[in-house]
Amino acid sequence: MTPLLRSVSGLILWAVAFSAIYAIQGLSCALGWDAIGLGGPSLARSILIATYIVSVTILAWLCWRLRPSSGTRDFLAILAFASSVIGLLSTIYTGLPVFWLSICS
């Protein structure tokens, strides 16, 4: 991975996760997946929660992978780690509503 791509990878993955969650939400409303129950949550909510958990897991792995070694003063390495942490926190914050908000109004 080039250093510049590595430095924005966390925010790119956040944008992909954000887009995927809300695209799945719109698709599930259009196809009526919210009305299909799976014992507890609906099919739509189950898919959204699974997408959210996969996204958070990938971003957490990226944070671990891009963590700078002790004593590193490389600006792009620190920027890459900070970007991945910001992407992880943004994904957690913007994706949490899939657990409790209504999917289709």
PDB file of N, CA and C in Angstrom:
ATOM      1  N   MET A   1       0.840  -1.170   0.000  1.00  0.00           N
ATOM      2  CA  MET A   1       0.000   0.000   0.000  1.00  0.00           C
ATOM      3  C   MET A   1       0.892   1.243   0.000  1.00  0.00           C
ATOM      4  N   THR A   2       0.594   2.181  -0.827  1.00  0.00           N
ATOM      5  CA  THR A   2       1.410   3.392  -0.835  1.00  0.00           C
ATOM      6  C   THR A   2       1.127   4.209   0.424  1.00  0.00           C
ATOM      7  N   PRO A   3       2.083   4.991   0.856  1.00  0.00           N
ATOM      8  CA  PRO A   3       1.882   5.756   2.093  1.00  0.00           C
ATOM      9  C   PRO A   3       0.688   6.711   2.030  1.00  0.00           C
ATOM     10  N   LEU A   4       0.443   7.318   0.901  1.00  0.00           N
ATOM     11  CA  LEU A   4      -0.687   8.238   0.797  1.00  0.00           C
ATOM     12  C   LEU A   4      -2.023   7.497   0.879  1.00  0.00           C
ATOM     13  N   LEU A   5      -2.135   6.368   0.205  1.00  0.00           N
ATOM     14  CA  LEU A   5      -3.356   5.570   0.276  1.00  0.00           C
ATOM     15  C   LEU A   5      -3.560   5.035   1.694  1.00  0.00           C
ATOM     16  N   ARG A   6      -2.490   4.629   2.321  1.00  0.00           N
ATOM     17  CA  ARG A   6      -2.560   4.138   3.693  1.00  0.00           C
ATOM     18  C   ARG A   6      -3.053   5.238   4.636  1.00  0.00           C
ATOM     19  N   SER A   7      -2.670   6.482   4.366  1.00  0.00           N
ATOM     20  CA  SER A   7      -3.042   7.572   5.263  1.00  0.00           C
ATOM     21  C   SER A   7      -4.518   7.944   5.170  1.00  0.00           C
ATOM     22  N   VAL A   8      -5.205   7.585   4.097  1.00  0.00           N
ATOM     23  CA  VAL A   8      -6.639   7.888   3.978  1.00  0.00           C
ATOM     24  C   VAL A   8      -7.510   6.632   3.993  1.00  0.00           C
ATOM     25  N   SER A   9      -6.917   5.481   4.188  1.00  0.00           N
ATOM     26  CA  SER A   9      -7.676   4.226   4.106  1.00  0.00           C
ATOM     27  C   SER A   9      -8.770   4.121   5.162  1.00  0.00           C
ATOM     28  N   GLY A  10      -8.554   4.624   6.354  1.00  0.00           N
ATOM     29  CA  GLY A  10      -9.574   4.564   7.392  1.00  0.00           C
ATOM     30  C   GLY A  10     -10.816   5.354   7.026  1.00  0.00           C
ATOM     31  N   LEU A  11     -10.611   6.526   6.450  1.00  0.00           N
ATOM     32  CA  LEU A  11     -11.750   7.352   6.060  1.00  0.00           C
ATOM     33  C   LEU A  11     -12.446   6.802   4.815  1.00  0.00           C
ATOM     34  N   ILE A  12     -11.690   6.190   3.930  1.00  0.00           N
ATOM     35  CA  ILE A  12     -12.305   5.557   2.762  1.00  0.00           C
ATOM     36  C   ILE A  12     -13.176   4.389   3.202  1.00  0.00           C
ATOM     37  N   LEU A  13     -12.679   3.572   4.120  1.00  0.00           N
ATOM     38  CA  LEU A  13     -13.472   2.447   4.616  1.00  0.00           C
ATOM     39  C   LEU A  13     -14.702   2.918   5.385  1.00  0.00           C
ATOM     40  N   TRP A  14     -14.592   4.035   6.104  1.00  0.00           N
ATOM     41  CA  TRP A  14     -15.773   4.594   6.767  1.00  0.00           C
ATOM     42  C   TRP A  14     -16.813   4.988   5.725  1.00  0.00           C
ATOM     43  N   ALA A  15     -16.391   5.644   4.648  1.00  0.00           N
ATOM     44  CA  ALA A  15     -17.328   6.056   3.603  1.00  0.00           C
ATOM     45  C   ALA A  15     -17.988   4.849   2.941  1.00  0.00           C
ATOM     46  N   VAL A  16     -17.227   3.795   2.724  1.00  0.00           N
ATOM     47  CA  VAL A  16     -17.783   2.574   2.134  1.00  0.00           C
ATOM     48  C   VAL A  16     -18.794   1.939   3.090  1.00  0.00           C
ATOM     49  N   ALA A  17     -18.450   1.864   4.367  1.00  0.00           N
ATOM     50  CA  ALA A  17     -19.363   1.270   5.358  1.00  0.00           C
ATOM     51  C   ALA A  17     -20.634   2.103   5.486  1.00  0.00           C
ATOM     52  N   PHE A  18     -20.495   3.413   5.549  1.00  0.00           N
ATOM     53  CA  PHE A  18     -21.640   4.312   5.649  1.00  0.00           C
ATOM     54  C   PHE A  18     -22.556   4.146   4.444  1.00  0.00           C
ATOM     55  N   SER A  19     -21.975   4.124   3.268  1.00  0.00           N
ATOM     56  CA  SER A  19     -22.768   3.962   2.042  1.00  0.00           C
ATOM     57  C   SER A  19     -23.441   2.601   1.980  1.00  0.00           C
ATOM     58  N   ALA A  20     -22.725   1.564   2.379  1.00  0.00           N
ATOM     59  CA  ALA A  20     -23.289   0.216   2.333  1.00  0.00           C
ATOM     60  C   ALA A  20     -24.450   0.070   3.295  1.00  0.00           C
ATOM     61  N   ILE A  21     -24.305   0.589   4.506  1.00  0.00           N
ATOM     62  CA  ILE A  21     -25.380   0.463   5.491  1.00  0.00           C
ATOM     63  C   ILE A  21     -26.635   1.174   5.014  1.00  0.00           C
ATOM     64  N   TYR A  22     -26.492   2.371   4.504  1.00  0.00           N
ATOM     65  CA  TYR A  22     -27.678   3.113   4.095  1.00  0.00           C
ATOM     66  C   TYR A  22     -28.232   2.646   2.755  1.00  0.00           C
ATOM     67  N   ALA A  23     -27.398   2.074   1.913  1.00  0.00           N
ATOM     68  CA  ALA A  23     -27.912   1.459   0.683  1.00  0.00           C
ATOM     69  C   ALA A  23     -28.709   0.196   1.011  1.00  0.00           C
ATOM     70  N   ILE A  24     -28.210  -0.594   1.937  1.00  0.00           N
ATOM     71  CA  ILE A  24     -28.940  -1.796   2.353  1.00  0.00           C
ATOM     72  C   ILE A  24     -30.242  -1.416   3.033  1.00  0.00           C
ATOM     73  N   GLN A  25     -30.234  -0.336   3.802  1.00  0.00           N
ATOM     74  CA  GLN A  25     -31.457   0.118   4.464  1.00  0.00           C
ATOM     75  C   GLN A  25     -32.507   0.508   3.426  1.00  0.00           C
ATOM     76  N   GLY A  26     -32.125   1.249   2.416  1.00  0.00           N
ATOM     77  CA  GLY A  26     -33.071   1.628   1.369  1.00  0.00           C
ATOM     78  C   GLY A  26     -33.562   0.434   0.574  1.00  0.00           C
ATOM     79  N   LEU A  27     -32.660  -0.471   0.254  1.00  0.00           N
ATOM     80  CA  LEU A  27     -33.032  -1.674  -0.493  1.00  0.00           C
ATOM     81  C   LEU A  27     -33.976  -2.555   0.321  1.00  0.00           C
ATOM     82  N   SER A  28     -33.707  -2.671   1.619  1.00  0.00           N
ATOM     83  CA  SER A  28     -34.565  -3.521   2.440  1.00  0.00           C
ATOM     84  C   SER A  28     -35.967  -2.935   2.569  1.00  0.00           C
ATOM     85  N   CYS A  29     -36.085  -1.624   2.576  1.00  0.00           N
ATOM     86  CA  CYS A  29     -37.424  -1.014   2.612  1.00  0.00           C
ATOM     87  C   CYS A  29     -38.141  -1.237   1.285  1.00  0.00           C
ATOM     88  N   ALA A  30     -37.416  -1.101   0.193  1.00  0.00           N
ATOM     89  CA  ALA A  30     -38.029  -1.273  -1.121  1.00  0.00           C
ATOM     90  C   ALA A  30     -38.471  -2.712  -1.360  1.00  0.00           C
ATOM     91  N   LEU A  31     -37.743  -3.662  -0.822  1.00  0.00           N
ATOM     92  CA  LEU A  31     -38.058  -5.073  -1.041  1.00  0.00           C
ATOM     93  C   LEU A  31     -38.900  -5.686   0.075  1.00  0.00           C
ATOM     94  N   GLY A  32     -39.216  -4.917   1.107  1.00  0.00           N
ATOM     95  CA  GLY A  32     -40.071  -5.409   2.177  1.00  0.00           C
ATOM     96  C   GLY A  32     -39.397  -6.362   3.145  1.00  0.00           C
ATOM     97  N   TRP A  33     -38.091  -6.280   3.280  1.00  0.00           N
ATOM     98  CA  TRP A  33     -37.374  -7.178   4.182  1.00  0.00           C
ATOM     99  C   TRP A  33     -37.667  -6.863   5.643  1.00  0.00           C
ATOM    100  N   ASP A  34     -38.168  -5.662   5.908  1.00  0.00           N
ATOM    101  CA  ASP A  34     -38.473  -5.296   7.284  1.00  0.00           C
ATOM    102  C   ASP A  34     -39.658  -6.093   7.835  1.00  0.00           C
ATOM    103  N   ALA A  35     -40.500  -6.587   6.947  1.00  0.00           N
ATOM    104  CA  ALA A  35     -41.677  -7.350   7.376  1.00  0.00           C
ATOM    105  C   ALA A  35     -41.370  -8.831   7.586  1.00  0.00           C
ATOM    106  N   ILE A  36     -40.193  -9.283   7.174  1.00  0.00           N
ATOM    107  CA  ILE A  36     -39.815 -10.687   7.312  1.00  0.00           C
ATOM    108  C   ILE A  36     -39.122 -10.872   8.658  1.00  0.00           C
ATOM    109  N   GLY A  37     -39.748 -11.628   9.532  1.00  0.00           N
ATOM    110  CA  GLY A  37     -39.185 -11.855  10.862  1.00  0.00           C
ATOM    111  C   GLY A  37     -38.277 -13.069  10.892  1.00  0.00           C
ATOM    112  N   LEU A  38     -37.283 -13.001  11.749  1.00  0.00           N
ATOM    113  CA  LEU A  38     -36.360 -14.134  11.919  1.00  0.00           C
ATOM    114  C   LEU A  38     -36.374 -14.624  13.366  1.00  0.00           C
ATOM    115  N   GLY A  39     -37.527 -14.596  13.976  1.00  0.00           N
ATOM    116  CA  GLY A  39     -37.619 -15.013  15.368  1.00  0.00           C
ATOM    117  C   GLY A  39     -37.525 -13.843  16.312  1.00  0.00           C
ATOM    118  N   GLY A  40     -36.625 -12.934  16.076  1.00  0.00           N
ATOM    119  CA  GLY A  40     -36.469 -11.728  16.895  1.00  0.00           C
ATOM    120  C   GLY A  40     -36.463 -10.516  15.987  1.00  0.00           C
ATOM    121  N   PRO A  41     -35.290 -10.139  15.550  1.00  0.00           N
ATOM    122  CA  PRO A  41     -35.219  -8.996  14.644  1.00  0.00           C
ATOM    123  C   PRO A  41     -35.661  -9.383  13.226  1.00  0.00           C
ATOM    124  N   SER A  42     -35.983  -8.376  12.447  1.00  0.00           N
ATOM    125  CA  SER A  42     -36.382  -8.637  11.065  1.00  0.00           C
ATOM    126  C   SER A  42     -35.153  -8.980  10.223  1.00  0.00           C
ATOM    127  N   LEU A  43     -35.412  -9.457   9.025  1.00  0.00           N
ATOM    128  CA  LEU A  43     -34.319  -9.776   8.100  1.00  0.00           C
ATOM    129  C   LEU A  43     -33.492  -8.534   7.801  1.00  0.00           C
ATOM    130  N   ALA A  44     -34.168  -7.407   7.594  1.00  0.00           N
ATOM    131  CA  ALA A  44     -33.471  -6.155   7.291  1.00  0.00           C
ATOM    132  C   ALA A  44     -32.544  -5.758   8.432  1.00  0.00           C
ATOM    133  N   ARG A  45     -33.044  -5.784   9.657  1.00  0.00           N
ATOM    134  CA  ARG A  45     -32.212  -5.399  10.801  1.00  0.00           C
ATOM    135  C   ARG A  45     -31.047  -6.361  10.983  1.00  0.00           C
ATOM    136  N   SER A  46     -31.273  -7.651  10.754  1.00  0.00           N
ATOM    137  CA  SER A  46     -30.191  -8.635  10.877  1.00  0.00           C
ATOM    138  C   SER A  46     -29.082  -8.373   9.869  1.00  0.00           C
ATOM    139  N   ILE A  47     -29.448  -8.064   8.646  1.00  0.00           N
ATOM    140  CA  ILE A  47     -28.447  -7.774   7.613  1.00  0.00           C
ATOM    141  C   ILE A  47     -27.707  -6.485   7.947  1.00  0.00           C
ATOM    142  N   LEU A  48     -28.426  -5.474   8.415  1.00  0.00           N
ATOM    143  CA  LEU A  48     -27.793  -4.205   8.775  1.00  0.00           C
ATOM    144  C   LEU A  48     -26.823  -4.372   9.946  1.00  0.00           C
ATOM    145  N   ILE A  49     -27.226  -5.135  10.935  1.00  0.00           N
ATOM    146  CA  ILE A  49     -26.348  -5.362  12.085  1.00  0.00           C
ATOM    147  C   ILE A  49     -25.112  -6.155  11.668  1.00  0.00           C
ATOM    148  N   ALA A  50     -25.293  -7.146  10.810  1.00  0.00           N
ATOM    149  CA  ALA A  50     -24.144  -7.922  10.331  1.00  0.00           C
ATOM    150  C   ALA A  50     -23.185  -7.042   9.535  1.00  0.00           C
ATOM    151  N   THR A  51     -23.719  -6.169   8.693  1.00  0.00           N
ATOM    152  CA  THR A  51     -22.883  -5.251   7.917  1.00  0.00           C
ATOM    153  C   THR A  51     -22.131  -4.308   8.841  1.00  0.00           C
ATOM    154  N   TYR A  52     -22.812  -3.817   9.853  1.00  0.00           N
ATOM    155  CA  TYR A  52     -22.199  -2.919  10.829  1.00  0.00           C
ATOM    156  C   TYR A  52     -21.061  -3.623  11.574  1.00  0.00           C
ATOM    157  N   ILE A  53     -21.305  -4.825  12.037  1.00  0.00           N
ATOM    158  CA  ILE A  53     -20.284  -5.557  12.798  1.00  0.00           C
ATOM    159  C   ILE A  53     -19.069  -5.887  11.921  1.00  0.00           C
ATOM    160  N   VAL A  54     -19.311  -6.281  10.680  1.00  0.00           N
ATOM    161  CA  VAL A  54     -18.196  -6.555   9.761  1.00  0.00           C
ATOM    162  C   VAL A  54     -17.393  -5.284   9.510  1.00  0.00           C
ATOM    163  N   SER A  55     -18.076  -4.173   9.315  1.00  0.00           N
ATOM    164  CA  SER A  55     -17.380  -2.901   9.062  1.00  0.00           C
ATOM    165  C   SER A  55     -16.530  -2.487  10.260  1.00  0.00           C
ATOM    166  N   VAL A  56     -17.084  -2.575  11.445  1.00  0.00           N
ATOM    167  CA  VAL A  56     -16.336  -2.206  12.651  1.00  0.00           C
ATOM    168  C   VAL A  56     -15.150  -3.148  12.849  1.00  0.00           C
ATOM    169  N   THR A  57     -15.341  -4.417  12.571  1.00  0.00           N
ATOM    170  CA  THR A  57     -14.250  -5.387  12.713  1.00  0.00           C
ATOM    171  C   THR A  57     -13.114  -5.089  11.742  1.00  0.00           C
ATOM    172  N   ILE A  58     -13.451  -4.794  10.499  1.00  0.00           N
ATOM    173  CA  ILE A  58     -12.415  -4.477   9.507  1.00  0.00           C
ATOM    174  C   ILE A  58     -11.655  -3.222   9.906  1.00  0.00           C
ATOM    175  N   LEU A  59     -12.368  -2.207  10.357  1.00  0.00           N
ATOM    176  CA  LEU A  59     -11.696  -0.974  10.756  1.00  0.00           C
ATOM    177  C   LEU A  59     -10.871  -1.159  12.024  1.00  0.00           C
ATOM    178  N   ALA A  60     -11.328  -1.986  12.946  1.00  0.00           N
ATOM    179  CA  ALA A  60     -10.524  -2.276  14.143  1.00  0.00           C
ATOM    180  C   ALA A  60      -9.246  -3.014  13.754  1.00  0.00           C
ATOM    181  N   TRP A  61      -9.355  -3.941  12.817  1.00  0.00           N
ATOM    182  CA  TRP A  61      -8.160  -4.641  12.330  1.00  0.00           C
ATOM    183  C   TRP A  61      -7.207  -3.658  11.666  1.00  0.00           C
ATOM    184  N   LEU A  62      -7.755  -2.707  10.895  1.00  0.00           N
ATOM    185  CA  LEU A  62      -6.916  -1.711  10.237  1.00  0.00           C
ATOM    186  C   LEU A  62      -6.195  -0.841  11.261  1.00  0.00           C
ATOM    187  N   CYS A  63      -6.882  -0.464  12.327  1.00  0.00           N
ATOM    188  CA  CYS A  63      -6.224   0.311  13.397  1.00  0.00           C
ATOM    189  C   CYS A  63      -5.069  -0.483  13.994  1.00  0.00           C
ATOM    190  N   TRP A  64      -5.313  -1.760  14.249  1.00  0.00           N
ATOM    191  CA  TRP A  64      -4.258  -2.596  14.818  1.00  0.00           C
ATOM    192  C   TRP A  64      -3.095  -2.745  13.833  1.00  0.00           C
ATOM    193  N   ARG A  65      -3.423  -2.912  12.565  1.00  0.00           N
ATOM    194  CA  ARG A  65      -2.401  -3.120  11.530  1.00  0.00           C
ATOM    195  C   ARG A  65      -1.552  -1.873  11.298  1.00  0.00           C
ATOM    196  N   LEU A  66      -2.172  -0.702  11.378  1.00  0.00           N
ATOM    197  CA  LEU A  66      -1.461   0.544  11.075  1.00  0.00           C
ATOM    198  C   LEU A  66      -0.919   1.252  12.310  1.00  0.00           C
ATOM    199  N   ARG A  67      -1.002   0.609  13.466  1.00  0.00           N
ATOM    200  CA  ARG A  67      -0.486   1.266  14.662  1.00  0.00           C
ATOM    201  C   ARG A  67       1.019   1.510  14.504  1.00  0.00           C
ATOM    202  N   PRO A  68       1.453   2.699  14.825  1.00  0.00           N
ATOM    203  CA  PRO A  68       2.884   2.985  14.674  1.00  0.00           C
ATOM    204  C   PRO A  68       3.697   2.265  15.741  1.00  0.00           C
ATOM    205  N   SER A  69       4.875   1.851  15.354  1.00  0.00           N
ATOM    206  CA  SER A  69       5.750   1.198  16.327  1.00  0.00           C
ATOM    207  C   SER A  69       6.252   2.244  17.320  1.00  0.00           C
ATOM    208  N   SER A  70       6.665   1.780  18.462  1.00  0.00           N
ATOM    209  CA  SER A  70       7.102   2.720  19.498  1.00  0.00           C
ATOM    210  C   SER A  70       8.304   3.521  19.006  1.00  0.00           C
ATOM    211  N   GLY A  71       8.253   4.795  19.248  1.00  0.00           N
ATOM    212  CA  GLY A  71       9.341   5.671  18.841  1.00  0.00           C
ATOM    213  C   GLY A  71       9.275   6.123  17.395  1.00  0.00           C
ATOM    214  N   THR A  72       8.225   5.760  16.671  1.00  0.00           N
ATOM    215  CA  THR A  72       8.109   6.163  15.274  1.00  0.00           C
ATOM    216  C   THR A  72       7.788   7.643  15.193  1.00  0.00           C
ATOM    217  N   ARG A  73       8.522   8.355  14.355  1.00  0.00           N
ATOM    218  CA  ARG A  73       8.266   9.760  14.137  1.00  0.00           C
ATOM    219  C   ARG A  73       7.933  10.026  12.677  1.00  0.00           C
ATOM    220  N   ASP A  74       7.534   8.968  11.961  1.00  0.00           N
ATOM    221  CA  ASP A  74       7.138   9.085  10.566  1.00  0.00           C
ATOM    222  C   ASP A  74       5.740   9.691  10.496  1.00  0.00           C
ATOM    223  N   PHE A  75       5.631  10.859   9.874  1.00  0.00           N
ATOM    224  CA  PHE A  75       4.364  11.580   9.838  1.00  0.00           C
ATOM    225  C   PHE A  75       3.268  10.771   9.153  1.00  0.00           C
ATOM    226  N   LEU A  76       3.558  10.126   8.030  1.00  0.00           N
ATOM    227  CA  LEU A  76       2.521   9.383   7.313  1.00  0.00           C
ATOM    228  C   LEU A  76       2.066   8.146   8.079  1.00  0.00           C
ATOM    229  N   ALA A  77       2.942   7.539   8.846  1.00  0.00           N
ATOM    230  CA  ALA A  77       2.535   6.391   9.662  1.00  0.00           C
ATOM    231  C   ALA A  77       1.595   6.835  10.770  1.00  0.00           C
ATOM    232  N   ILE A  78       1.899   7.961  11.392  1.00  0.00           N
ATOM    233  CA  ILE A  78       1.019   8.491  12.440  1.00  0.00           C
ATOM    234  C   ILE A  78      -0.300   8.951  11.836  1.00  0.00           C
ATOM    235  N   LEU A  79      -0.251   9.576  10.669  1.00  0.00           N
ATOM    236  CA  LEU A  79      -1.465  10.017   9.980  1.00  0.00           C
ATOM    237  C   LEU A  79      -2.336   8.831   9.583  1.00  0.00           C
ATOM    238  N   ALA A  80      -1.729   7.758   9.119  1.00  0.00           N
ATOM    239  CA  ALA A  80      -2.481   6.558   8.739  1.00  0.00           C
ATOM    240  C   ALA A  80      -3.184   5.959   9.950  1.00  0.00           C
ATOM    241  N   PHE A  81      -2.506   5.908  11.074  1.00  0.00           N
ATOM    242  CA  PHE A  81      -3.126   5.384  12.291  1.00  0.00           C
ATOM    243  C   PHE A  81      -4.259   6.282  12.759  1.00  0.00           C
ATOM    244  N   ALA A  82      -4.031   7.589  12.747  1.00  0.00           N
ATOM    245  CA  ALA A  82      -5.071   8.531  13.166  1.00  0.00           C
ATOM    246  C   ALA A  82      -6.285   8.456  12.246  1.00  0.00           C
ATOM    247  N   SER A  83      -6.049   8.309  10.962  1.00  0.00           N
ATOM    248  CA  SER A  83      -7.146   8.188  10.000  1.00  0.00           C
ATOM    249  C   SER A  83      -7.954   6.924  10.241  1.00  0.00           C
ATOM    250  N   SER A  84      -7.275   5.844  10.556  1.00  0.00           N
ATOM    251  CA  SER A  84      -8.004   4.597  10.806  1.00  0.00           C
ATOM    252  C   SER A  84      -8.787   4.661  12.108  1.00  0.00           C
ATOM    253  N   VAL A  85      -8.251   5.322  13.126  1.00  0.00           N
ATOM    254  CA  VAL A  85      -8.979   5.483  14.389  1.00  0.00           C
ATOM    255  C   VAL A  85     -10.202   6.374  14.173  1.00  0.00           C
ATOM    256  N   ILE A  86     -10.040   7.465  13.432  1.00  0.00           N
ATOM    257  CA  ILE A  86     -11.167   8.350  13.142  1.00  0.00           C
ATOM    258  C   ILE A  86     -12.218   7.612  12.319  1.00  0.00           C
ATOM    259  N   GLY A  87     -11.781   6.807  11.361  1.00  0.00           N
ATOM    260  CA  GLY A  87     -12.725   6.012  10.581  1.00  0.00           C
ATOM    261  C   GLY A  87     -13.476   5.011  11.438  1.00  0.00           C
ATOM    262  N   LEU A  88     -12.783   4.375  12.375  1.00  0.00           N
ATOM    263  CA  LEU A  88     -13.426   3.418  13.281  1.00  0.00           C
ATOM    264  C   LEU A  88     -14.452   4.116  14.174  1.00  0.00           C
ATOM    265  N   LEU A  89     -14.058   5.215  14.783  1.00  0.00           N
ATOM    266  CA  LEU A  89     -14.981   5.935  15.661  1.00  0.00           C
ATOM    267  C   LEU A  89     -16.172   6.492  14.891  1.00  0.00           C
ATOM    268  N   SER A  90     -15.932   6.959  13.675  1.00  0.00           N
ATOM    269  CA  SER A  90     -17.031   7.474  12.849  1.00  0.00           C
ATOM    270  C   SER A  90     -17.987   6.367  12.453  1.00  0.00           C
ATOM    271  N   THR A  91     -17.466   5.199  12.142  1.00  0.00           N
ATOM    272  CA  THR A  91     -18.318   4.065  11.790  1.00  0.00           C
ATOM    273  C   THR A  91     -19.147   3.616  12.982  1.00  0.00           C
ATOM    274  N   ILE A  92     -18.529   3.583  14.151  1.00  0.00           N
ATOM    275  CA  ILE A  92     -19.275   3.203  15.358  1.00  0.00           C
ATOM    276  C   ILE A  92     -20.400   4.204  15.592  1.00  0.00           C
ATOM    277  N   TYR A  93     -20.106   5.493  15.482  1.00  0.00           N
ATOM    278  CA  TYR A  93     -21.100   6.524  15.768  1.00  0.00           C
ATOM    279  C   TYR A  93     -22.223   6.562  14.731  1.00  0.00           C
ATOM    280  N   THR A  94     -21.877   6.501  13.457  1.00  0.00           N
ATOM    281  CA  THR A  94     -22.909   6.621  12.422  1.00  0.00           C
ATOM    282  C   THR A  94     -23.668   5.326  12.197  1.00  0.00           C
ATOM    283  N   GLY A  95     -23.144   4.202  12.655  1.00  0.00           N
ATOM    284  CA  GLY A  95     -23.819   2.932  12.438  1.00  0.00           C
ATOM    285  C   GLY A  95     -24.651   2.440  13.604  1.00  0.00           C
ATOM    286  N   LEU A  96     -24.457   3.012  14.782  1.00  0.00           N
ATOM    287  CA  LEU A  96     -25.198   2.551  15.960  1.00  0.00           C
ATOM    288  C   LEU A  96     -26.719   2.605  15.808  1.00  0.00           C
ATOM    289  N   PRO A  97     -27.300   3.536  15.077  1.00  0.00           N
ATOM    290  CA  PRO A  97     -28.766   3.562  14.965  1.00  0.00           C
ATOM    291  C   PRO A  97     -29.382   2.308  14.345  1.00  0.00           C
ATOM    292  N   VAL A  98     -28.614   1.459  13.696  1.00  0.00           N
ATOM    293  CA  VAL A  98     -29.208   0.245  13.126  1.00  0.00           C
ATOM    294  C   VAL A  98     -29.736  -0.685  14.212  1.00  0.00           C
ATOM    295  N   PHE A  99     -29.304  -0.481  15.453  1.00  0.00           N
ATOM    296  CA  PHE A  99     -29.751  -1.339  16.540  1.00  0.00           C
ATOM    297  C   PHE A  99     -31.126  -0.963  17.078  1.00  0.00           C
ATOM    298  N   TRP A 100     -31.517   0.317  17.016  1.00  0.00           N
ATOM    299  CA  TRP A 100     -32.773   0.689  17.666  1.00  0.00           C
ATOM    300  C   TRP A 100     -33.722   1.558  16.839  1.00  0.00           C
ATOM    301  N   LEU A 101     -33.262   2.264  15.828  1.00  0.00           N
ATOM    302  CA  LEU A 101     -34.179   3.096  15.060  1.00  0.00           C
ATOM    303  C   LEU A 101     -35.010   2.247  14.091  1.00  0.00           C
ATOM    304  N   SER A 102     -36.190   2.744  13.763  1.00  0.00           N
ATOM    305  CA  SER A 102     -37.033   2.005  12.822  1.00  0.00           C
ATOM    306  C   SER A 102     -36.351   2.024  11.450  1.00  0.00           C
ATOM    307  N   ILE A 103     -36.456   0.933  10.763  1.00  0.00           N
ATOM    308  CA  ILE A 103     -35.787   0.810   9.469  1.00  0.00           C
ATOM    309  C   ILE A 103     -36.601   1.469   8.373  1.00  0.00           C
ATOM    310  N   CYS A 104     -37.876   1.201   8.344  1.00  0.00           N
ATOM    311  CA  CYS A 104     -38.757   1.780   7.350  1.00  0.00           C
ATOM    312  C   CYS A 104     -39.879   2.512   8.073  1.00  0.00           C
ATOM    313  N   SER A 105     -40.132   3.725   7.681  1.00  0.00           N
ATOM    314  CA  SER A 105     -41.181   4.507   8.364  1.00  0.00           C
ATOM    315  C   SER A 105     -42.543   4.222   7.788  1.00  0.00           C
TER     316      SER A 105
END
